[in-house]
């Protein structure tokens, strides 16, 4: 990881994977722009509530095609380094696309209601 992380990534949240890398292939996650809103929650809150921390099936599906604003690795520094590499942190104009714009995330990971069960 470089000593300076691209400012466009901030704030970066680094958290330990609930499933210890079973689905993500890394014990730690780095989440770019963790305060961006996703379905009325910050990205990090959404990830913990409805995303890959919610249950085994959701975690498995999420990590098969994870969005570019999250990376997993075996150490916190490695997760941030992987995040930088996968989104091209050297690019001055990079901003992660909002999840709301991608219908895969809006529909695939919405919590079910009683009427949907």
PDB file of N, CA and C in Angstrom:
ATOM      1  N   UNK A   1       0.848  -1.173   0.000  1.00  0.00           N
ATOM      2  CA  UNK A   1       0.000   0.000   0.000  1.00  0.00           C
ATOM      3  C   UNK A   1       0.889   1.230   0.000  1.00  0.00           C
ATOM      4  N   UNK A   2       0.480   2.233  -0.748  1.00  0.00           N
ATOM      5  CA  UNK A   2       1.249   3.466  -0.770  1.00  0.00           C
ATOM      6  C   UNK A   2       1.074   4.193   0.559  1.00  0.00           C
ATOM      7  N   UNK A   3       1.998   5.105   0.841  1.00  0.00           N
ATOM      8  CA  UNK A   3       1.898   5.840   2.104  1.00  0.00           C
ATOM      9  C   UNK A   3       0.765   6.862   2.066  1.00  0.00           C
ATOM     10  N   UNK A   4       0.362   7.277   0.864  1.00  0.00           N
ATOM     11  CA  UNK A   4      -0.757   8.200   0.731  1.00  0.00           C
ATOM     12  C   UNK A   4      -1.878   7.526  -0.043  1.00  0.00           C
ATOM     13  N   UNK A   5      -3.053   7.547   0.515  1.00  0.00           N
ATOM     14  CA  UNK A   5      -4.220   6.980  -0.136  1.00  0.00           C
ATOM     15  C   UNK A   5      -4.927   8.115  -0.858  1.00  0.00           C
ATOM     16  N   UNK A   6      -5.446   7.822  -2.050  1.00  0.00           N
ATOM     17  CA  UNK A   6      -6.132   8.849  -2.839  1.00  0.00           C
ATOM     18  C   UNK A   6      -7.252   9.479  -2.021  1.00  0.00           C
ATOM     19  N   UNK A   7      -7.311  10.806  -1.972  1.00  0.00           N
ATOM     20  CA  UNK A   7      -8.336  11.478  -1.160  1.00  0.00           C
ATOM     21  C   UNK A   7      -9.766  11.160  -1.585  1.00  0.00           C
ATOM     22  N   UNK A   8      -9.971  10.816  -2.865  1.00  0.00           N
ATOM     23  CA  UNK A   8     -11.320  10.477  -3.331  1.00  0.00           C
ATOM     24  C   UNK A   8     -11.882   9.229  -2.667  1.00  0.00           C
ATOM     25  N   UNK A   9     -11.039   8.440  -2.041  1.00  0.00           N
ATOM     26  CA  UNK A   9     -11.501   7.211  -1.384  1.00  0.00           C
ATOM     27  C   UNK A   9     -12.066   7.470   0.007  1.00  0.00           C
ATOM     28  N   UNK A  10     -11.724   8.603   0.603  1.00  0.00           N
ATOM     29  CA  UNK A  10     -12.099   8.874   1.992  1.00  0.00           C
ATOM     30  C   UNK A  10     -13.570   9.207   2.131  1.00  0.00           C
ATOM     31  N   UNK A  11     -14.161   8.921   3.263  1.00  0.00           N
ATOM     32  CA  UNK A  11     -13.571   8.137   4.348  1.00  0.00           C
ATOM     33  C   UNK A  11     -13.575   6.649   4.005  1.00  0.00           C
ATOM     34  N   UNK A  12     -12.488   5.997   4.370  1.00  0.00           N
ATOM     35  CA  UNK A  12     -12.369   4.550   4.176  1.00  0.00           C
ATOM     36  C   UNK A  12     -12.687   3.881   5.506  1.00  0.00           C
ATOM     37  N   UNK A  13     -13.591   2.936   5.476  1.00  0.00           N
ATOM     38  CA  UNK A  13     -13.881   2.135   6.672  1.00  0.00           C
ATOM     39  C   UNK A  13     -13.177   0.791   6.505  1.00  0.00           C
ATOM     40  N   UNK A  14     -12.501   0.365   7.533  1.00  0.00           N
ATOM     41  CA  UNK A  14     -11.842  -0.942   7.530  1.00  0.00           C
ATOM     42  C   UNK A  14     -12.437  -1.738   8.680  1.00  0.00           C
ATOM     43  N   UNK A  15     -13.050  -2.860   8.349  1.00  0.00           N
ATOM     44  CA  UNK A  15     -13.686  -3.682   9.380  1.00  0.00           C
ATOM     45  C   UNK A  15     -13.338  -5.148   9.177  1.00  0.00           C
ATOM     46  N   UNK A  16     -13.426  -5.891  10.253  1.00  0.00           N
ATOM     47  CA  UNK A  16     -13.153  -7.321  10.194  1.00  0.00           C
ATOM     48  C   UNK A  16     -14.353  -8.053   9.627  1.00  0.00           C
ATOM     49  N   UNK A  17     -14.098  -8.983   8.725  1.00  0.00           N
ATOM     50  CA  UNK A  17     -15.145  -9.764   8.076  1.00  0.00           C
ATOM     51  C   UNK A  17     -15.787 -10.719   9.079  1.00  0.00           C
ATOM     52  N   UNK A  18     -17.091 -10.659   9.195  1.00  0.00           N
ATOM     53  CA  UNK A  18     -17.837 -11.530  10.106  1.00  0.00           C
ATOM     54  C   UNK A  18     -17.540 -13.004   9.840  1.00  0.00           C
ATOM     55  N   UNK A  19     -17.384 -13.359   8.559  1.00  0.00           N
ATOM     56  CA  UNK A  19     -17.178 -14.755   8.177  1.00  0.00           C
ATOM     57  C   UNK A  19     -15.707 -15.105   7.981  1.00  0.00           C
ATOM     58  N   UNK A  20     -14.812 -14.248   8.442  1.00  0.00           N
ATOM     59  CA  UNK A  20     -13.370 -14.485   8.478  1.00  0.00           C
ATOM     60  C   UNK A  20     -12.785 -14.861   7.118  1.00  0.00           C
ATOM     61  N   UNK A  21     -13.369 -14.302   6.054  1.00  0.00           N
ATOM     62  CA  UNK A  21     -12.824 -14.509   4.723  1.00  0.00           C
ATOM     63  C   UNK A  21     -13.371 -15.705   3.969  1.00  0.00           C
ATOM     64  N   UNK A  22     -14.302 -16.431   4.550  1.00  0.00           N
ATOM     65  CA  UNK A  22     -14.855 -17.617   3.879  1.00  0.00           C
ATOM     66  C   UNK A  22     -15.425 -17.249   2.510  1.00  0.00           C
ATOM     67  N   UNK A  23     -16.162 -16.158   2.420  1.00  0.00           N
ATOM     68  CA  UNK A  23     -16.778 -15.748   1.155  1.00  0.00           C
ATOM     69  C   UNK A  23     -15.985 -14.651   0.453  1.00  0.00           C
ATOM     70  N   UNK A  24     -15.372 -13.773   1.217  1.00  0.00           N
ATOM     71  CA  UNK A  24     -14.678 -12.609   0.647  1.00  0.00           C
ATOM     72  C   UNK A  24     -13.224 -12.896   0.292  1.00  0.00           C
ATOM     73  N   UNK A  25     -12.681 -13.997   0.784  1.00  0.00           N
ATOM     74  CA  UNK A  25     -11.267 -14.338   0.611  1.00  0.00           C
ATOM     75  C   UNK A  25     -10.340 -13.341   1.296  1.00  0.00           C
ATOM     76  N   UNK A  26     -10.805 -12.748   2.371  1.00  0.00           N
ATOM     77  CA  UNK A  26      -9.986 -11.843   3.154  1.00  0.00           C
ATOM     78  C   UNK A  26     -10.630 -11.589   4.508  1.00  0.00           C
ATOM     79  N   UNK A  27      -9.834 -11.479   5.542  1.00  0.00           N
ATOM     80  CA  UNK A  27     -10.369 -11.293   6.902  1.00  0.00           C
ATOM     81  C   UNK A  27     -10.778  -9.851   7.182  1.00  0.00           C
ATOM     82  N   UNK A  28     -10.337  -8.911   6.350  1.00  0.00           N
ATOM     83  CA  UNK A  28     -10.621  -7.482   6.550  1.00  0.00           C
ATOM     84  C   UNK A  28     -11.187  -6.891   5.275  1.00  0.00           C
ATOM     85  N   UNK A  29     -12.111  -5.939   5.429  1.00  0.00           N
ATOM     86  CA  UNK A  29     -12.666  -5.207   4.296  1.00  0.00           C
ATOM     87  C   UNK A  29     -12.207  -3.763   4.364  1.00  0.00           C
ATOM     88  N   UNK A  30     -12.013  -3.177   3.198  1.00  0.00           N
ATOM     89  CA  UNK A  30     -11.812  -1.733   3.070  1.00  0.00           C
ATOM     90  C   UNK A  30     -12.948  -1.234   2.186  1.00  0.00           C
ATOM     91  N   UNK A  31     -13.649  -0.208   2.667  1.00  0.00           N
ATOM     92  CA  UNK A  31     -14.811   0.331   1.964  1.00  0.00           C
ATOM     93  C   UNK A  31     -14.541   1.796   1.632  1.00  0.00           C
ATOM     94  N   UNK A  32     -14.481   2.108   0.339  1.00  0.00           N
ATOM     95  CA  UNK A  32     -14.257   3.489  -0.102  1.00  0.00           C
ATOM     96  C   UNK A  32     -15.512   4.322   0.110  1.00  0.00           C
ATOM     97  N   UNK A  33     -15.311   5.565   0.435  1.00  0.00           N
ATOM     98  CA  UNK A  33     -16.409   6.512   0.635  1.00  0.00           C
ATOM     99  C   UNK A  33     -17.530   5.862   1.456  1.00  0.00           C
ATOM    100  N   UNK A  34     -17.159   5.377   2.610  1.00  0.00           N
ATOM    101  CA  UNK A  34     -18.077   4.608   3.458  1.00  0.00           C
ATOM    102  C   UNK A  34     -19.261   5.409   3.957  1.00  0.00           C
ATOM    103  N   UNK A  35     -19.202   6.727   3.816  1.00  0.00           N
ATOM    104  CA  UNK A  35     -20.334   7.548   4.252  1.00  0.00           C
ATOM    105  C   UNK A  35     -21.332   7.841   3.127  1.00  0.00           C
ATOM    106  N   UNK A  36     -21.081   7.327   1.918  1.00  0.00           N
ATOM    107  CA  UNK A  36     -22.050   7.488   0.821  1.00  0.00           C
ATOM    108  C   UNK A  36     -23.342   6.770   1.199  1.00  0.00           C
ATOM    109  N   UNK A  37     -24.436   7.337   0.773  1.00  0.00           N
ATOM    110  CA  UNK A  37     -25.741   6.772   1.122  1.00  0.00           C
ATOM    111  C   UNK A  37     -26.147   5.649   0.174  1.00  0.00           C
ATOM    112  N   UNK A  38     -26.732   4.632   0.741  1.00  0.00           N
ATOM    113  CA  UNK A  38     -27.225   3.469   0.004  1.00  0.00           C
ATOM    114  C   UNK A  38     -28.539   3.042   0.645  1.00  0.00           C
ATOM    115  N   UNK A  39     -29.631   3.224  -0.064  1.00  0.00           N
ATOM    116  CA  UNK A  39     -30.958   2.888   0.446  1.00  0.00           C
ATOM    117  C   UNK A  39     -31.210   3.492   1.831  1.00  0.00           C
ATOM    118  N   UNK A  40     -30.859   4.754   1.975  1.00  0.00           N
ATOM    119  CA  UNK A  40     -31.124   5.476   3.212  1.00  0.00           C
ATOM    120  C   UNK A  40     -30.137   5.218   4.335  1.00  0.00           C
ATOM    121  N   UNK A  41     -29.064   4.480   4.072  1.00  0.00           N
ATOM    122  CA  UNK A  41     -28.046   4.175   5.080  1.00  0.00           C
ATOM    123  C   UNK A  41     -26.681   4.490   4.482  1.00  0.00           C
ATOM    124  N   UNK A  42     -25.677   4.647   5.330  1.00  0.00           N
ATOM    125  CA  UNK A  42     -24.322   4.758   4.802  1.00  0.00           C
ATOM    126  C   UNK A  42     -23.916   3.405   4.244  1.00  0.00           C
ATOM    127  N   UNK A  43     -22.947   3.410   3.356  1.00  0.00           N
ATOM    128  CA  UNK A  43     -22.482   2.132   2.777  1.00  0.00           C
ATOM    129  C   UNK A  43     -22.101   1.147   3.869  1.00  0.00           C
ATOM    130  N   UNK A  44     -21.351   1.616   4.840  1.00  0.00           N
ATOM    131  CA  UNK A  44     -20.867   0.696   5.864  1.00  0.00           C
ATOM    132  C   UNK A  44     -22.016   0.149   6.694  1.00  0.00           C
ATOM    133  N   UNK A  45     -22.985   0.983   7.029  1.00  0.00           N
ATOM    134  CA  UNK A  45     -24.150   0.495   7.781  1.00  0.00           C
ATOM    135  C   UNK A  45     -24.934  -0.511   6.952  1.00  0.00           C
ATOM    136  N   UNK A  46     -25.088  -0.238   5.656  1.00  0.00           N
ATOM    137  CA  UNK A  46     -25.817  -1.158   4.779  1.00  0.00           C
ATOM    138  C   UNK A  46     -25.097  -2.498   4.676  1.00  0.00           C
ATOM    139  N   UNK A  47     -23.774  -2.454   4.535  1.00  0.00           N
ATOM    140  CA  UNK A  47     -22.998  -3.692   4.443  1.00  0.00           C
ATOM    141  C   UNK A  47     -23.171  -4.551   5.691  1.00  0.00           C
ATOM    142  N   UNK A  48     -23.192  -3.900   6.843  1.00  0.00           N
ATOM    143  CA  UNK A  48     -23.331  -4.641   8.094  1.00  0.00           C
ATOM    144  C   UNK A  48     -24.752  -5.151   8.311  1.00  0.00           C
ATOM    145  N   UNK A  49     -25.738  -4.387   7.875  1.00  0.00           N
ATOM    146  CA  UNK A  49     -27.137  -4.747   8.105  1.00  0.00           C
ATOM    147  C   UNK A  49     -27.694  -5.696   7.054  1.00  0.00           C
ATOM    148  N   UNK A  50     -27.484  -5.370   5.773  1.00  0.00           N
ATOM    149  CA  UNK A  50     -28.124  -6.126   4.693  1.00  0.00           C
ATOM    150  C   UNK A  50     -27.154  -6.774   3.725  1.00  0.00           C
ATOM    151  N   UNK A  51     -25.923  -6.367   3.753  1.00  0.00           N
ATOM    152  CA  UNK A  51     -24.941  -6.862   2.803  1.00  0.00           C
ATOM    153  C   UNK A  51     -24.274  -8.138   3.275  1.00  0.00           C
ATOM    154  N   UNK A  52     -22.984  -8.278   3.000  1.00  0.00           N
ATOM    155  CA  UNK A  52     -22.291  -9.531   3.268  1.00  0.00           C
ATOM    156  C   UNK A  52     -22.094  -9.883   4.741  1.00  0.00           C
ATOM    157  N   UNK A  53     -22.523  -9.034   5.640  1.00  0.00           N
ATOM    158  CA  UNK A  53     -22.474  -9.387   7.063  1.00  0.00           C
ATOM    159  C   UNK A  53     -23.809  -9.920   7.560  1.00  0.00           C
ATOM    160  N   UNK A  54     -24.824  -9.916   6.715  1.00  0.00           N
ATOM    161  CA  UNK A  54     -26.156 -10.273   7.205  1.00  0.00           C
ATOM    162  C   UNK A  54     -26.356 -11.779   7.370  1.00  0.00           C
ATOM    163  N   UNK A  55     -26.057 -12.571   6.360  1.00  0.00           N
ATOM    164  CA  UNK A  55     -26.216 -14.029   6.465  1.00  0.00           C
ATOM    165  C   UNK A  55     -25.327 -14.712   5.439  1.00  0.00           C
ATOM    166  N   UNK A  56     -25.193 -16.022   5.544  1.00  0.00           N
ATOM    167  CA  UNK A  56     -24.285 -16.773   4.669  1.00  0.00           C
ATOM    168  C   UNK A  56     -24.644 -16.657   3.194  1.00  0.00           C
ATOM    169  N   UNK A  57     -25.911 -16.814   2.864  1.00  0.00           N
ATOM    170  CA  UNK A  57     -26.320 -16.778   1.461  1.00  0.00           C
ATOM    171  C   UNK A  57     -26.044 -15.403   0.862  1.00  0.00           C
ATOM    172  N   UNK A  58     -26.420 -14.355   1.563  1.00  0.00           N
ATOM    173  CA  UNK A  58     -26.184 -12.997   1.074  1.00  0.00           C
ATOM    174  C   UNK A  58     -24.692 -12.741   0.905  1.00  0.00           C
ATOM    175  N   UNK A  59     -23.891 -13.174   1.866  1.00  0.00           N
ATOM    176  CA  UNK A  59     -22.441 -12.985   1.770  1.00  0.00           C
ATOM    177  C   UNK A  59     -21.882 -13.694   0.544  1.00  0.00           C
ATOM    178  N   UNK A  60     -22.307 -14.905   0.317  1.00  0.00           N
ATOM    179  CA  UNK A  60     -21.831 -15.671  -0.833  1.00  0.00           C
ATOM    180  C   UNK A  60     -22.194 -14.982  -2.144  1.00  0.00           C
ATOM    181  N   UNK A  61     -23.430 -14.548  -2.270  1.00  0.00           N
ATOM    182  CA  UNK A  61     -23.889 -13.883  -3.494  1.00  0.00           C
ATOM    183  C   UNK A  61     -23.175 -12.543  -3.669  1.00  0.00           C
ATOM    184  N   UNK A  62     -23.060 -11.771  -2.603  1.00  0.00           N
ATOM    185  CA  UNK A  62     -22.429 -10.455  -2.663  1.00  0.00           C
ATOM    186  C   UNK A  62     -21.005 -10.555  -3.182  1.00  0.00           C
ATOM    187  N   UNK A  63     -20.219 -11.465  -2.624  1.00  0.00           N
ATOM    188  CA  UNK A  63     -18.802 -11.520  -2.969  1.00  0.00           C
ATOM    189  C   UNK A  63     -18.533 -12.139  -4.327  1.00  0.00           C
ATOM    190  N   UNK A  64     -19.504 -12.793  -4.935  1.00  0.00           N
ATOM    191  CA  UNK A  64     -19.308 -13.313  -6.300  1.00  0.00           C
ATOM    192  C   UNK A  64     -19.100 -12.179  -7.296  1.00  0.00           C
ATOM    193  N   UNK A  65     -19.737 -11.040  -7.062  1.00  0.00           N
ATOM    194  CA  UNK A  65     -19.626  -9.896  -7.958  1.00  0.00           C
ATOM    195  C   UNK A  65     -19.715  -8.614  -7.138  1.00  0.00           C
ATOM    196  N   UNK A  66     -18.767  -8.433  -6.261  1.00  0.00           N
ATOM    197  CA  UNK A  66     -18.776  -7.281  -5.348  1.00  0.00           C
ATOM    198  C   UNK A  66     -18.552  -5.976  -6.110  1.00  0.00           C
ATOM    199  N   UNK A  67     -19.136  -4.892  -5.619  1.00  0.00           N
ATOM    200  CA  UNK A  67     -18.921  -3.595  -6.263  1.00  0.00           C
ATOM    201  C   UNK A  67     -17.465  -3.151  -6.107  1.00  0.00           C
ATOM    202  N   UNK A  68     -17.007  -2.241  -6.952  1.00  0.00           N
ATOM    203  CA  UNK A  68     -15.597  -1.835  -6.917  1.00  0.00           C
ATOM    204  C   UNK A  68     -15.200  -1.039  -5.687  1.00  0.00           C
ATOM    205  N   UNK A  69     -16.155  -0.564  -4.903  1.00  0.00           N
ATOM    206  CA  UNK A  69     -15.828   0.271  -3.752  1.00  0.00           C
ATOM    207  C   UNK A  69     -15.561  -0.518  -2.475  1.00  0.00           C
ATOM    208  N   UNK A  70     -15.446  -1.847  -2.596  1.00  0.00           N
ATOM    209  CA  UNK A  70     -15.098  -2.673  -1.428  1.00  0.00           C
ATOM    210  C   UNK A  70     -14.047  -3.697  -1.836  1.00  0.00           C
ATOM    211  N   UNK A  71     -13.096  -3.927  -0.952  1.00  0.00           N
ATOM    212  CA  UNK A  71     -12.052  -4.924  -1.197  1.00  0.00           C
ATOM    213  C   UNK A  71     -11.806  -5.686   0.100  1.00  0.00           C
ATOM    214  N   UNK A  72     -11.394  -6.934  -0.026  1.00  0.00           N
ATOM    215  CA  UNK A  72     -11.091  -7.765   1.137  1.00  0.00           C
ATOM    216  C   UNK A  72      -9.682  -8.329   1.010  1.00  0.00           C
ATOM    217  N   UNK A  73      -8.995  -8.412   2.144  1.00  0.00           N
ATOM    218  CA  UNK A  73      -7.650  -8.989   2.190  1.00  0.00           C
ATOM    219  C   UNK A  73      -7.396  -9.472   3.619  1.00  0.00           C
ATOM    220  N   UNK A  74      -6.256 -10.075   3.839  1.00  0.00           N
ATOM    221  CA  UNK A  74      -5.990 -10.695   5.139  1.00  0.00           C
ATOM    222  C   UNK A  74      -5.480  -9.748   6.218  1.00  0.00           C
ATOM    223  N   UNK A  75      -5.124  -8.525   5.858  1.00  0.00           N
ATOM    224  CA  UNK A  75      -4.749  -7.515   6.857  1.00  0.00           C
ATOM    225  C   UNK A  75      -5.450  -6.211   6.484  1.00  0.00           C
ATOM    226  N   UNK A  76      -5.626  -5.317   7.450  1.00  0.00           N
ATOM    227  CA  UNK A  76      -6.236  -4.026   7.115  1.00  0.00           C
ATOM    228  C   UNK A  76      -5.467  -3.262   6.039  1.00  0.00           C
ATOM    229  N   UNK A  77      -4.128  -3.210   6.159  1.00  0.00           N
ATOM    230  CA  UNK A  77      -3.331  -2.494   5.164  1.00  0.00           C
ATOM    231  C   UNK A  77      -3.458  -3.122   3.786  1.00  0.00           C
ATOM    232  N   UNK A  78      -3.477  -4.437   3.732  1.00  0.00           N
ATOM    233  CA  UNK A  78      -3.618  -5.124   2.443  1.00  0.00           C
ATOM    234  C   UNK A  78      -4.989  -4.860   1.829  1.00  0.00           C
ATOM    235  N   UNK A  79      -6.018  -4.765   2.652  1.00  0.00           N
ATOM    236  CA  UNK A  79      -7.362  -4.479   2.140  1.00  0.00           C
ATOM    237  C   UNK A  79      -7.409  -3.081   1.524  1.00  0.00           C
ATOM    238  N   UNK A  80      -6.818  -2.105   2.185  1.00  0.00           N
ATOM    239  CA  UNK A  80      -6.785  -0.743   1.636  1.00  0.00           C
ATOM    240  C   UNK A  80      -5.945  -0.734   0.353  1.00  0.00           C
ATOM    241  N   UNK A  81      -4.823  -1.421   0.360  1.00  0.00           N
ATOM    242  CA  UNK A  81      -3.989  -1.494  -0.838  1.00  0.00           C
ATOM    243  C   UNK A  81      -4.717  -2.139  -2.002  1.00  0.00           C
ATOM    244  N   UNK A  82      -5.463  -3.189  -1.723  1.00  0.00           N
ATOM    245  CA  UNK A  82      -6.235  -3.859  -2.779  1.00  0.00           C
ATOM    246  C   UNK A  82      -7.336  -2.941  -3.294  1.00  0.00           C
ATOM    247  N   UNK A  83      -7.981  -2.220  -2.387  1.00  0.00           N
ATOM    248  CA  UNK A  83      -9.009  -1.266  -2.783  1.00  0.00           C
ATOM    249  C   UNK A  83      -8.423  -0.218  -3.727  1.00  0.00           C
ATOM    250  N   UNK A  84      -7.281   0.335  -3.359  1.00  0.00           N
ATOM    251  CA  UNK A  84      -6.607   1.314  -4.218  1.00  0.00           C
ATOM    252  C   UNK A  84      -6.316   0.737  -5.592  1.00  0.00           C
ATOM    253  N   UNK A  85      -5.796  -0.474  -5.623  1.00  0.00           N
ATOM    254  CA  UNK A  85      -5.417  -1.095  -6.890  1.00  0.00           C
ATOM    255  C   UNK A  85      -6.637  -1.390  -7.766  1.00  0.00           C
ATOM    256  N   UNK A  86      -7.694  -1.882  -7.157  1.00  0.00           N
ATOM    257  CA  UNK A  86      -8.823  -2.310  -7.983  1.00  0.00           C
ATOM    258  C   UNK A  86      -9.650  -1.151  -8.518  1.00  0.00           C
ATOM    259  N   UNK A  87      -9.601  -0.011  -7.882  1.00  0.00           N
ATOM    260  CA  UNK A  87     -10.369   1.109  -8.414  1.00  0.00           C
ATOM    261  C   UNK A  87      -9.485   2.138  -9.092  1.00  0.00           C
ATOM    262  N   UNK A  88      -8.220   1.830  -9.261  1.00  0.00           N
ATOM    263  CA  UNK A  88      -7.336   2.758  -9.947  1.00  0.00           C
ATOM    264  C   UNK A  88      -7.149   4.041  -9.166  1.00  0.00           C
ATOM    265  N   UNK A  89      -6.682   3.927  -7.943  1.00  0.00           N
ATOM    266  CA  UNK A  89      -6.546   5.082  -7.054  1.00  0.00           C
ATOM    267  C   UNK A  89      -5.633   6.159  -7.625  1.00  0.00           C
ATOM    268  N   UNK A  90      -4.820   5.815  -8.615  1.00  0.00           N
ATOM    269  CA  UNK A  90      -3.952   6.819  -9.217  1.00  0.00           C
ATOM    270  C   UNK A  90      -4.730   7.765 -10.130  1.00  0.00           C
ATOM    271  N   UNK A  91      -5.931   7.414 -10.482  1.00  0.00           N
ATOM    272  CA  UNK A  91      -6.749   8.260 -11.343  1.00  0.00           C
ATOM    273  C   UNK A  91      -7.327   9.410 -10.533  1.00  0.00           C
ATOM    274  N   UNK A  92      -7.144  10.631 -11.024  1.00  0.00           N
ATOM    275  CA  UNK A  92      -7.650  11.805 -10.321  1.00  0.00           C
ATOM    276  C   UNK A  92      -9.159  11.958 -10.421  1.00  0.00           C
ATOM    277  N   UNK A  93      -9.769  11.321 -11.415  1.00  0.00           N
ATOM    278  CA  UNK A  93     -11.191  11.541 -11.624  1.00  0.00           C
ATOM    279  C   UNK A  93     -12.057  10.370 -11.169  1.00  0.00           C
ATOM    280  N   UNK A  94     -11.499   9.419 -10.431  1.00  0.00           N
ATOM    281  CA  UNK A  94     -12.277   8.260 -10.032  1.00  0.00           C
ATOM    282  C   UNK A  94     -13.208   8.582  -8.880  1.00  0.00           C
ATOM    283  N   UNK A  95     -14.442   8.255  -9.055  1.00  0.00           N
ATOM    284  CA  UNK A  95     -15.423   8.260  -7.980  1.00  0.00           C
ATOM    285  C   UNK A  95     -16.241   7.000  -8.133  1.00  0.00           C
ATOM    286  N   UNK A  96     -16.445   6.238  -7.082  1.00  0.00           N
ATOM    287  CA  UNK A  96     -17.209   5.010  -7.223  1.00  0.00           C
ATOM    288  C   UNK A  96     -18.641   5.321  -7.625  1.00  0.00           C
ATOM    289  N   UNK A  97     -19.206   4.530  -8.547  1.00  0.00           N
ATOM    290  CA  UNK A  97     -20.587   4.785  -8.950  1.00  0.00           C
ATOM    291  C   UNK A  97     -21.533   4.499  -7.801  1.00  0.00           C
ATOM    292  N   UNK A  98     -22.578   5.293  -7.662  1.00  0.00           N
ATOM    293  CA  UNK A  98     -23.527   5.017  -6.588  1.00  0.00           C
ATOM    294  C   UNK A  98     -24.230   3.695  -6.826  1.00  0.00           C
ATOM    295  N   UNK A  99     -24.381   2.921  -5.780  1.00  0.00           N
ATOM    296  CA  UNK A  99     -25.019   1.617  -5.898  1.00  0.00           C
ATOM    297  C   UNK A  99     -26.451   1.773  -6.395  1.00  0.00           C
ATOM    298  N   UNK A 100     -27.101   2.872  -6.019  1.00  0.00           N
ATOM    299  CA  UNK A 100     -28.482   3.080  -6.436  1.00  0.00           C
ATOM    300  C   UNK A 100     -28.612   3.073  -7.954  1.00  0.00           C
ATOM    301  N   UNK A 101     -27.550   3.419  -8.671  1.00  0.00           N
ATOM    302  CA  UNK A 101     -27.601   3.462 -10.124  1.00  0.00           C
ATOM    303  C   UNK A 101     -27.484   2.074 -10.741  1.00  0.00           C
ATOM    304  N   UNK A 102     -27.098   1.102  -9.988  1.00  0.00           N
ATOM    305  CA  UNK A 102     -26.925  -0.257 -10.495  1.00  0.00           C
ATOM    306  C   UNK A 102     -28.050  -1.131  -9.962  1.00  0.00           C
ATOM    307  N   UNK A 103     -29.015  -1.509 -10.810  1.00  0.00           N
ATOM    308  CA  UNK A 103     -30.176  -2.258 -10.331  1.00  0.00           C
ATOM    309  C   UNK A 103     -29.827  -3.612  -9.722  1.00  0.00           C
ATOM    310  N   UNK A 104     -28.663  -4.187 -10.063  1.00  0.00           N
ATOM    311  CA  UNK A 104     -28.292  -5.472  -9.452  1.00  0.00           C
ATOM    312  C   UNK A 104     -28.239  -5.356  -7.941  1.00  0.00           C
ATOM    313  N   UNK A 105     -27.642  -4.271  -7.434  1.00  0.00           N
ATOM    314  CA  UNK A 105     -27.488  -4.125  -5.990  1.00  0.00           C
ATOM    315  C   UNK A 105     -28.792  -3.698  -5.347  1.00  0.00           C
ATOM    316  N   UNK A 106     -29.551  -2.877  -6.039  1.00  0.00           N
ATOM    317  CA  UNK A 106     -30.801  -2.393  -5.462  1.00  0.00           C
ATOM    318  C   UNK A 106     -31.782  -3.552  -5.284  1.00  0.00           C
ATOM    319  N   UNK A 107     -31.862  -4.458  -6.236  1.00  0.00           N
ATOM    320  CA  UNK A 107     -32.834  -5.545  -6.172  1.00  0.00           C
ATOM    321  C   UNK A 107     -32.291  -6.782  -5.471  1.00  0.00           C
ATOM    322  N   UNK A 108     -31.033  -7.121  -5.691  1.00  0.00           N
ATOM    323  CA  UNK A 108     -30.488  -8.376  -5.178  1.00  0.00           C
ATOM    324  C   UNK A 108     -30.325  -8.416  -3.671  1.00  0.00           C
ATOM    325  N   UNK A 109     -30.087  -7.265  -3.057  1.00  0.00           N
ATOM    326  CA  UNK A 109     -29.754  -7.268  -1.645  1.00  0.00           C
ATOM    327  C   UNK A 109     -30.752  -6.502  -0.798  1.00  0.00           C
ATOM    328  N   UNK A 110     -31.938  -6.300  -1.313  1.00  0.00           N
ATOM    329  CA  UNK A 110     -32.968  -5.639  -0.531  1.00  0.00           C
ATOM    330  C   UNK A 110     -33.525  -6.649   0.466  1.00  0.00           C
ATOM    331  N   UNK A 111     -33.681  -6.270   1.714  1.00  0.00           N
ATOM    332  CA  UNK A 111     -34.227  -7.213   2.701  1.00  0.00           C
ATOM    333  C   UNK A 111     -35.666  -7.574   2.326  1.00  0.00           C
ATOM    334  N   UNK A 112     -35.996  -8.839   2.500  1.00  0.00           N
ATOM    335  CA  UNK A 112     -37.351  -9.281   2.164  1.00  0.00           C
ATOM    336  C   UNK A 112     -38.328  -8.869   3.243  1.00  0.00           C
ATOM    337  N   UNK A 113     -39.564  -8.742   2.828  1.00  0.00           N
ATOM    338  CA  UNK A 113     -40.647  -8.436   3.784  1.00  0.00           C
ATOM    339  C   UNK A 113     -41.458  -9.687   3.973  1.00  0.00           C
ATOM    340  N   UNK A 114     -42.329  -9.680   4.937  1.00  0.00           N
ATOM    341  CA  UNK A 114     -43.164 -10.854   5.202  1.00  0.00           C
ATOM    342  C   UNK A 114     -43.965 -11.255   3.957  1.00  0.00           C
ATOM    343  N   UNK A 115     -44.468 -10.285   3.199  1.00  0.00           N
ATOM    344  CA  UNK A 115     -45.289 -10.605   2.031  1.00  0.00           C
ATOM    345  C   UNK A 115     -44.468 -11.242   0.917  1.00  0.00           C
ATOM    346  N   UNK A 116     -43.142 -11.038   0.896  1.00  0.00           N
ATOM    347  CA  UNK A 116     -42.286 -11.632  -0.122  1.00  0.00           C
ATOM    348  C   UNK A 116     -41.854 -13.040   0.221  1.00  0.00           C
ATOM    349  N   UNK A 117     -42.019 -13.450   1.443  1.00  0.00           N
ATOM    350  CA  UNK A 117     -41.534 -14.772   1.882  1.00  0.00           C
ATOM    351  C   UNK A 117     -42.451 -15.876   1.505  1.00  0.00           C
TER     352      UNK A 117
END
